[in-house]
Amino acid sequence: MAADLVLDTAIRDWVLIPLSVVMVLIGVLRYFVSKLMRSSQVPDAKIVKEGQLVIRARNLRASANFIPPKSFRARRFYFSNEENGLLFVPKGQAQNPQAQMFSDPNMAMDMMKKNLSMIIPQTLTFAWVNFFFSGFVAAKIPFPLTQRFRSMLQNGIDLSTVDVSYVSSRSWYFLNLFGLRGLFSLILGEENAMDDTQRMMQMSGFGMDPSKSLGAEKDSLDIIQHDWALPKFEHRAEVVLKKLVR
């Protein structure tokens, strides 16, 4: 049976609260530092054009049944024909996005700045937490948990007799690291709130080929089945009116 612990109030005053406040201040400071290090870039006209084409093709697929079949076929041919269609990208014209990225020094420098603004504060903060607050049981979750959460909530505590609902100081650091997006959205605004999970996703998604999105949208537009909804409106209106009359 797991042991029931009584947490000292000094742990709350000298471990839990300072760790939470420091994590919030570091997140705000990192945001302003990354904002100062960010260089103003002029968006590439080709990338903006391709993005607008994808949006227009998606709008056509979403509202395809509200236009006549002839109009839909004309618009689909305008987008996806293999001679001069807007969504058609020949194989020889597809660019290597990684080579294009490394050929632009500003883009590579911005990526390095983003990596530094994320890695350096995390490394220093983790070293500070591991040196001063290692081994503390900082908090307790007010609901029971299964044993699968032990490795996540009790990092740095090698006691199997402690209940899973207790959170170590090191695990509290990781919970703050990945769970303060809502608080940052209140402090910095919804558009400026960016947690480390999203940063990692953006880093892992760098070098994506925009021509692939055009090809995927072209394939989706080619296989769509048009079913004009206007002839069915009269029948639906008749059914609704009959229900109202009754």
Protein backbone atom coordinates (compact mmCIF):
# COMPACT_ATOMS: atom_id res chain seq x y z
CA MET A 1 0.00 0.00 0.00
CA ALA A 2 1.31 3.44 -0.88
CA ALA A 3 2.42 5.64 1.96
CA ASP A 4 0.48 8.79 2.78
CA LEU A 5 2.81 11.77 3.20
CA VAL A 6 2.29 15.10 4.94
CA LEU A 7 3.93 17.85 2.93
CA ASP A 8 5.72 20.59 4.83
CA THR A 9 4.52 24.13 4.17
CA ALA A 10 8.14 25.18 3.74
CA ILE A 11 8.31 23.05 0.60
CA ARG A 12 5.36 24.99 -0.76
CA ASP A 13 6.95 28.35 0.12
CA TRP A 14 10.52 27.60 -0.94
CA VAL A 15 10.15 25.02 -3.73
CA LEU A 16 6.71 24.95 -5.35
CA ILE A 17 5.92 28.67 -5.54
CA PRO A 18 9.44 29.88 -6.48
CA LEU A 19 9.73 27.20 -9.16
CA SER A 20 6.38 28.16 -10.70
CA VAL A 21 7.15 31.90 -10.60
CA VAL A 22 10.60 31.39 -12.13
CA MET A 23 9.14 29.28 -14.96
CA VAL A 24 6.59 31.99 -15.79
CA LEU A 25 9.21 34.76 -15.72
CA ILE A 26 11.60 32.74 -17.88
CA GLY A 27 8.83 32.09 -20.41
CA VAL A 28 7.98 35.80 -20.63
CA LEU A 29 11.65 36.78 -20.84
CA ARG A 30 12.30 34.20 -23.53
CA TYR A 31 9.40 35.56 -25.57
CA PHE A 32 10.74 39.11 -25.51
CA VAL A 33 14.30 37.98 -26.22
CA SER A 34 13.17 35.91 -29.21
CA LYS A 35 11.12 38.91 -30.37
CA LEU A 36 14.20 41.14 -30.25
CA MET A 37 16.31 38.54 -32.07
CA ARG A 38 13.71 38.02 -34.77
CA SER A 39 14.57 39.67 -38.07
CA SER A 40 11.90 41.17 -40.28
CA GLN A 41 11.50 39.11 -43.43
CA VAL A 42 9.64 39.96 -46.59
CA PRO A 43 7.33 37.04 -47.42
CA ASP A 44 8.12 35.23 -50.63
CA ALA A 45 5.54 36.09 -53.27
CA LYS A 46 5.62 32.56 -54.70
CA ILE A 47 4.91 30.94 -51.33
CA VAL A 48 2.06 33.37 -50.64
CA LYS A 49 0.60 32.67 -54.09
CA GLU A 50 0.76 28.92 -53.57
CA GLY A 51 -0.92 29.25 -50.20
CA GLN A 52 -3.74 31.30 -51.69
CA LEU A 53 -4.20 28.72 -54.44
CA VAL A 54 -4.57 25.96 -51.88
CA ILE A 55 -7.17 28.01 -49.98
CA ARG A 56 -9.13 28.69 -53.17
CA ALA A 57 -9.08 25.01 -54.12
CA ARG A 58 -10.29 24.02 -50.65
CA ASN A 59 -13.12 26.54 -50.86
CA LEU A 60 -14.10 25.07 -54.22
CA ARG A 61 -14.23 21.56 -52.75
CA ALA A 62 -16.21 22.77 -49.74
CA SER A 63 -18.86 24.57 -51.82
CA ALA A 64 -18.79 22.35 -54.91
CA ASN A 65 -22.40 21.18 -54.55
CA PHE A 66 -23.75 24.74 -54.51
CA ILE A 67 -22.73 25.56 -58.10
CA PRO A 68 -23.98 23.94 -61.33
CA PRO A 69 -22.08 20.91 -62.65
CA LYS A 70 -20.83 22.79 -65.71
CA SER A 71 -19.39 25.59 -63.57
CA PHE A 72 -17.74 23.09 -61.24
CA ARG A 73 -16.12 21.20 -64.12
CA ALA A 74 -14.82 24.47 -65.58
CA ARG A 75 -13.31 25.52 -62.25
CA ARG A 76 -11.79 22.09 -61.65
CA PHE A 77 -10.23 22.11 -65.11
CA TYR A 78 -8.88 25.61 -64.41
CA PHE A 79 -7.13 24.33 -61.29
CA SER A 80 -6.08 20.77 -62.12
CA ASN A 81 -5.51 20.35 -65.86
CA GLU A 82 -2.04 19.04 -66.68
CA GLU A 83 -1.21 21.66 -69.29
CA ASN A 84 -1.51 24.99 -67.49
CA GLY A 85 -3.48 24.19 -64.33
CA LEU A 86 -2.71 26.27 -61.29
CA LEU A 87 -2.31 23.24 -59.03
CA PHE A 88 -0.25 21.17 -61.45
CA VAL A 89 3.47 21.15 -60.66
CA PRO A 90 5.75 19.33 -63.15
CA LYS A 91 8.24 16.94 -61.63
CA GLY A 92 11.24 18.82 -62.96
CA GLN A 93 10.13 22.11 -61.41
CA ALA A 94 9.79 20.82 -57.83
CA GLN A 95 12.34 22.57 -55.63
CA ASN A 96 14.31 21.06 -52.82
CA PRO A 97 13.09 22.98 -49.75
CA GLN A 98 16.12 22.12 -47.63
CA ALA A 99 18.54 23.35 -50.27
CA GLN A 100 16.45 26.51 -50.65
CA MET A 101 16.52 27.04 -46.88
CA PHE A 102 20.27 26.66 -46.52
CA SER A 103 20.85 28.86 -49.54
CA ASP A 104 19.17 31.73 -47.66
CA PRO A 105 21.47 32.82 -44.80
CA ASN A 106 18.74 34.87 -43.10
CA MET A 107 16.43 31.86 -42.84
CA ALA A 108 19.19 29.66 -41.41
CA MET A 109 20.16 32.39 -38.94
CA ASP A 110 16.56 32.82 -37.77
CA MET A 111 16.25 29.09 -37.20
CA MET A 112 19.47 29.04 -35.20
CA LYS A 113 18.22 31.94 -33.07
CA LYS A 114 14.95 30.13 -32.36
CA ASN A 115 16.84 27.00 -31.37
CA LEU A 116 19.14 28.96 -29.08
CA SER A 117 16.26 30.85 -27.47
CA MET A 118 14.62 27.52 -26.66
CA ILE A 119 17.58 25.28 -25.77
CA ILE A 120 19.71 27.62 -23.64
CA PRO A 121 16.96 28.68 -21.17
CA GLN A 122 15.77 25.09 -20.86
CA THR A 123 19.27 23.79 -20.15
CA LEU A 124 20.04 26.46 -17.54
CA THR A 125 16.66 26.12 -15.84
CA PHE A 126 16.86 22.34 -15.69
CA ALA A 127 20.37 22.53 -14.22
CA TRP A 128 19.13 25.02 -11.60
CA VAL A 129 16.15 22.84 -10.69
CA ASN A 130 18.25 19.67 -10.60
CA PHE A 131 20.88 21.28 -8.35
CA PHE A 132 18.67 23.09 -5.82
CA PHE A 133 15.33 21.23 -5.83
CA SER A 134 16.23 17.63 -6.63
CA GLY A 135 14.51 15.00 -4.47
CA PHE A 136 11.65 17.14 -3.13
CA VAL A 137 8.02 16.01 -3.14
CA ALA A 138 6.50 19.31 -4.14
CA ALA A 139 2.76 18.74 -4.55
CA LYS A 140 -0.06 16.24 -4.56
CA ILE A 141 -2.72 15.83 -7.24
CA PRO A 142 -6.20 15.75 -5.68
CA PHE A 143 -7.41 12.68 -7.60
CA PRO A 144 -6.08 9.10 -7.86
CA LEU A 145 -3.87 8.01 -10.75
CA THR A 146 -2.66 4.68 -12.10
CA GLN A 147 0.90 3.38 -11.93
CA ARG A 148 1.57 4.45 -15.52
CA PHE A 149 1.88 8.06 -14.35
CA ARG A 150 4.63 7.31 -11.82
CA SER A 151 7.52 7.84 -14.22
CA MET A 152 6.01 11.13 -15.38
CA LEU A 153 5.05 12.61 -12.00
CA GLN A 154 7.83 11.26 -9.79
CA ASN A 155 10.95 11.91 -11.81
CA GLY A 156 13.93 11.95 -9.46
CA ILE A 157 12.26 9.95 -6.65
CA ASP A 158 13.09 6.25 -6.51
CA LEU A 159 10.47 5.17 -3.98
CA SER A 160 7.84 2.71 -5.11
CA THR A 161 5.90 3.05 -1.84
CA VAL A 162 4.96 6.69 -2.47
CA ASP A 163 1.50 7.21 -3.91
CA VAL A 164 1.38 8.10 -7.60
CA SER A 165 -0.55 11.31 -6.96
CA TYR A 166 2.52 12.96 -5.38
CA VAL A 167 4.56 15.13 -7.76
CA SER A 168 8.30 15.60 -7.47
CA SER A 169 9.99 18.94 -8.01
CA ARG A 170 11.64 17.81 -11.22
CA SER A 171 8.33 16.58 -12.62
CA TRP A 172 6.73 19.85 -11.56
CA TYR A 173 9.33 21.61 -13.69
CA PHE A 174 8.35 19.58 -16.76
CA LEU A 175 4.64 20.11 -16.09
CA ASN A 176 5.23 23.87 -16.01
CA LEU A 177 7.45 23.68 -19.06
CA PHE A 178 4.77 22.13 -21.27
CA GLY A 179 1.60 23.30 -19.52
CA LEU A 180 1.84 27.09 -19.23
CA ARG A 181 0.41 27.90 -22.64
CA GLY A 182 -2.92 29.04 -21.20
CA LEU A 183 -1.21 31.42 -18.77
CA PHE A 184 1.07 32.80 -21.49
CA SER A 185 -1.98 33.39 -23.69
CA LEU A 186 -3.43 35.58 -20.93
CA ILE A 187 -0.17 37.46 -20.37
CA LEU A 188 1.15 37.80 -23.91
CA GLY A 189 -1.97 37.28 -26.02
CA GLU A 190 -3.32 34.28 -27.87
CA GLU A 191 -1.23 34.83 -31.00
CA ASN A 192 1.99 35.28 -29.00
CA ALA A 193 1.56 32.22 -26.77
CA MET A 194 3.80 29.44 -27.98
CA ASP A 195 4.82 26.53 -25.84
CA ASP A 196 7.82 24.28 -26.38
CA THR A 197 5.67 21.53 -27.86
CA GLN A 198 4.70 23.75 -30.78
CA ARG A 199 8.27 24.89 -31.21
CA MET A 200 9.41 21.28 -31.49
CA MET A 201 6.66 20.54 -33.98
CA GLN A 202 7.71 23.51 -36.11
CA MET A 203 11.34 22.47 -35.92
CA SER A 204 10.50 18.93 -36.97
CA GLY A 205 8.37 20.23 -39.85
CA PHE A 206 10.97 22.51 -41.38
CA GLY A 207 11.88 21.90 -44.96
CA MET A 208 8.40 20.92 -46.09
CA ASP A 209 7.89 21.11 -49.82
CA PRO A 210 5.02 23.51 -50.67
CA SER A 211 4.59 21.81 -54.05
CA LYS A 212 3.40 18.67 -52.23
CA SER A 213 0.45 20.56 -50.80
CA LEU A 214 -0.47 21.68 -54.31
CA GLY A 215 -0.29 18.11 -55.57
CA ALA A 216 -2.35 16.79 -52.66
CA GLU A 217 -5.01 19.44 -53.23
CA LYS A 218 -5.06 18.62 -56.94
CA ASP A 219 -5.64 14.93 -56.19
CA SER A 220 -8.42 15.77 -53.74
CA LEU A 221 -10.08 18.01 -56.31
CA ASP A 222 -9.85 15.35 -59.02
CA ILE A 223 -11.59 12.63 -57.02
CA ILE A 224 -14.43 14.74 -55.65
CA GLN A 225 -17.91 13.70 -56.78
CA HIS A 226 -20.15 16.64 -57.66
CA ASP A 227 -23.76 16.47 -56.51
CA TRP A 228 -25.67 19.67 -57.19
CA ALA A 229 -27.77 20.54 -54.19
CA LEU A 230 -30.16 23.02 -55.87
CA PRO A 231 -32.68 20.48 -57.26
CA LYS A 232 -33.06 19.03 -53.76
CA PHE A 233 -33.86 22.36 -52.17
CA GLU A 234 -37.46 22.35 -53.43
CA HIS A 235 -38.08 18.91 -51.96
CA ARG A 236 -36.52 19.89 -48.65
CA ALA A 237 -38.58 23.11 -48.55
CA GLU A 238 -41.72 21.12 -49.27
CA VAL A 239 -41.01 18.72 -46.44
CA VAL A 240 -40.37 21.58 -44.02
CA LEU A 241 -43.54 23.44 -45.04
CA LYS A 242 -45.63 20.29 -44.64
CA LYS A 243 -44.31 19.85 -41.12
CA LEU A 244 -45.13 23.46 -40.31
CA VAL A 245 -48.65 23.20 -41.70
CA ARG A 246 -49.33 20.14 -39.59
